[in-house]
Amino acid sequence: MAIAVFFANGYEEIEALTVVDLTRRAGIETWMVSITDEKAVTGSHGITVSMDKTLKEVKKAMGLSYFDDETFLKEQQDKYN
């Protein structure tokens, strides 16, 4: 089992990377996922981080290739809001 932390350009570095750091230290497999097709994502303070996967790669790994990006993200938002 793994968790995914989704990143887009302009993300808040501390908020996103703290989650990744803590979950990985706890031994939880954690994927940093770009919601774009690019693996490099730049935060709000100009720091560029290389992601583990893109959203398309995650969807493929989860067998969710029939969802378009917008539908997939909306479904995830609805689950956790």
C-alpha atoms as a PDB file:
ATOM      1  CA  MET A   1       0.000   0.000   0.000  1.00  0.00           C
ATOM      2  CA  ALA A   2       1.174   3.494  -0.802  1.00  0.00           C
ATOM      3  CA  ILE A   3      -0.074   7.023  -0.399  1.00  0.00           C
ATOM      4  CA  ALA A   4       0.208   9.748  -2.999  1.00  0.00           C
ATOM      5  CA  VAL A   5       0.912  13.404  -2.338  1.00  0.00           C
ATOM      6  CA  PHE A   6      -0.167  15.458  -5.349  1.00  0.00           C
ATOM      7  CA  PHE A   7       1.900  18.452  -6.494  1.00  0.00           C
ATOM      8  CA  ALA A   8       1.216  21.283  -8.924  1.00  0.00           C
ATOM      9  CA  ASN A   9       3.387  24.256  -9.815  1.00  0.00           C
ATOM     10  CA  GLY A  10       3.145  26.837  -7.045  1.00  0.00           C
ATOM     11  CA  TYR A  11       2.709  24.300  -4.228  1.00  0.00           C
ATOM     12  CA  GLU A  12       3.725  25.306  -0.703  1.00  0.00           C
ATOM     13  CA  GLU A  13       7.059  23.561  -0.115  1.00  0.00           C
ATOM     14  CA  ILE A  14       6.856  23.142   3.650  1.00  0.00           C
ATOM     15  CA  GLU A  15       3.262  21.919   3.665  1.00  0.00           C
ATOM     16  CA  ALA A  16       3.779  19.317   0.943  1.00  0.00           C
ATOM     17  CA  LEU A  17       7.304  18.138   1.703  1.00  0.00           C
ATOM     18  CA  THR A  18       6.675  17.806   5.447  1.00  0.00           C
ATOM     19  CA  VAL A  19       3.944  15.265   4.741  1.00  0.00           C
ATOM     20  CA  VAL A  20       6.273  13.329   2.444  1.00  0.00           C
ATOM     21  CA  ASP A  21       9.121  13.442   4.977  1.00  0.00           C
ATOM     22  CA  LEU A  22       7.012  12.279   7.926  1.00  0.00           C
ATOM     23  CA  THR A  23       5.276   9.451   6.086  1.00  0.00           C
ATOM     24  CA  ARG A  24       8.529   8.152   4.642  1.00  0.00           C
ATOM     25  CA  ARG A  25      10.206   8.274   8.073  1.00  0.00           C
ATOM     26  CA  ALA A  26       7.268   6.244   9.391  1.00  0.00           C
ATOM     27  CA  GLY A  27       8.015   3.580   6.780  1.00  0.00           C
ATOM     28  CA  ILE A  28       4.976   4.329   4.621  1.00  0.00           C
ATOM     29  CA  GLU A  29       5.552   4.099   0.888  1.00  0.00           C
ATOM     30  CA  THR A  30       4.880   7.630  -0.338  1.00  0.00           C
ATOM     31  CA  TRP A  31       4.696   8.790  -3.915  1.00  0.00           C
ATOM     32  CA  MET A  32       5.225  12.432  -4.844  1.00  0.00           C
ATOM     33  CA  VAL A  33       2.928  12.844  -7.844  1.00  0.00           C
ATOM     34  CA  SER A  34       2.893  15.618 -10.422  1.00  0.00           C
ATOM     35  CA  ILE A  35      -0.612  16.381 -11.656  1.00  0.00           C
ATOM     36  CA  THR A  36       0.928  17.437 -14.982  1.00  0.00           C
ATOM     37  CA  ASP A  37       2.909  15.391 -17.495  1.00  0.00           C
ATOM     38  CA  GLU A  38       6.167  16.884 -16.183  1.00  0.00           C
ATOM     39  CA  LYS A  39       8.054  15.198 -13.334  1.00  0.00           C
ATOM     40  CA  ALA A  40       9.713  18.459 -12.253  1.00  0.00           C
ATOM     41  CA  VAL A  41       7.394  20.699 -10.224  1.00  0.00           C
ATOM     42  CA  THR A  42       8.322  24.166  -8.952  1.00  0.00           C
ATOM     43  CA  GLY A  43       7.013  25.407  -5.617  1.00  0.00           C
ATOM     44  CA  SER A  44       5.864  28.883  -4.645  1.00  0.00           C
ATOM     45  CA  HIS A  45       9.388  29.891  -3.594  1.00  0.00           C
ATOM     46  CA  GLY A  46      11.094  28.763  -6.809  1.00  0.00           C
ATOM     47  CA  ILE A  47      12.331  25.394  -5.515  1.00  0.00           C
ATOM     48  CA  THR A  48      12.001  22.665  -8.147  1.00  0.00           C
ATOM     49  CA  VAL A  49      11.512  19.099  -6.930  1.00  0.00           C
ATOM     50  CA  SER A  50      11.574  15.923  -8.999  1.00  0.00           C
ATOM     51  CA  MET A  51       8.441  13.831  -8.524  1.00  0.00           C
ATOM     52  CA  ASP A  52       8.355  10.041  -8.232  1.00  0.00           C
ATOM     53  CA  LYS A  53       5.473   9.703 -10.688  1.00  0.00           C
ATOM     54  CA  THR A  54       3.070  11.646 -12.854  1.00  0.00           C
ATOM     55  CA  LEU A  55      -0.688  11.427 -12.448  1.00  0.00           C
ATOM     56  CA  LYS A  56      -0.912   9.321 -15.608  1.00  0.00           C
ATOM     57  CA  GLU A  57       1.579   6.812 -14.165  1.00  0.00           C
ATOM     58  CA  VAL A  58      -0.403   6.545 -10.920  1.00  0.00           C
ATOM     59  CA  LYS A  59      -3.673   6.035 -12.750  1.00  0.00           C
ATOM     60  CA  LYS A  60      -2.064   3.297 -14.844  1.00  0.00           C
ATOM     61  CA  ALA A  61      -0.603   1.596 -11.745  1.00  0.00           C
ATOM     62  CA  MET A  62      -4.027   1.721 -10.069  1.00  0.00           C
ATOM     63  CA  GLY A  63      -5.817   0.467 -13.162  1.00  0.00           C
ATOM     64  CA  LEU A  64      -7.724   3.727 -13.551  1.00  0.00           C
ATOM     65  CA  SER A  65      -6.869   4.469 -17.162  1.00  0.00           C
ATOM     66  CA  TYR A  66     -10.540   4.992 -18.041  1.00  0.00           C
ATOM     67  CA  PHE A  67     -10.714   8.214 -15.995  1.00  0.00           C
ATOM     68  CA  ASP A  68      -9.679  11.505 -17.494  1.00  0.00           C
ATOM     69  CA  ASP A  69      -7.504  13.722 -15.273  1.00  0.00           C
ATOM     70  CA  GLU A  70     -10.324  16.064 -14.285  1.00  0.00           C
ATOM     71  CA  THR A  71     -12.678  13.232 -13.302  1.00  0.00           C
ATOM     72  CA  PHE A  72      -9.967  11.471 -11.297  1.00  0.00           C
ATOM     73  CA  LEU A  73      -9.005  14.603  -9.352  1.00  0.00           C
ATOM     74  CA  LYS A  74     -12.664  15.504  -8.693  1.00  0.00           C
ATOM     75  CA  GLU A  75     -13.331  11.997  -7.372  1.00  0.00           C
ATOM     76  CA  GLN A  76     -10.345  12.245  -5.017  1.00  0.00           C
ATOM     77  CA  GLN A  77     -11.461  15.677  -3.776  1.00  0.00           C
ATOM     78  CA  ASP A  78     -14.975  14.395  -3.117  1.00  0.00           C
ATOM     79  CA  LYS A  79     -13.605  11.462  -1.095  1.00  0.00           C
ATOM     80  CA  TYR A  80     -11.605  13.616   1.281  1.00  0.00           C
ATOM     81  CA  ASN A  81     -13.634  16.799   1.625  1.00  0.00           C
END
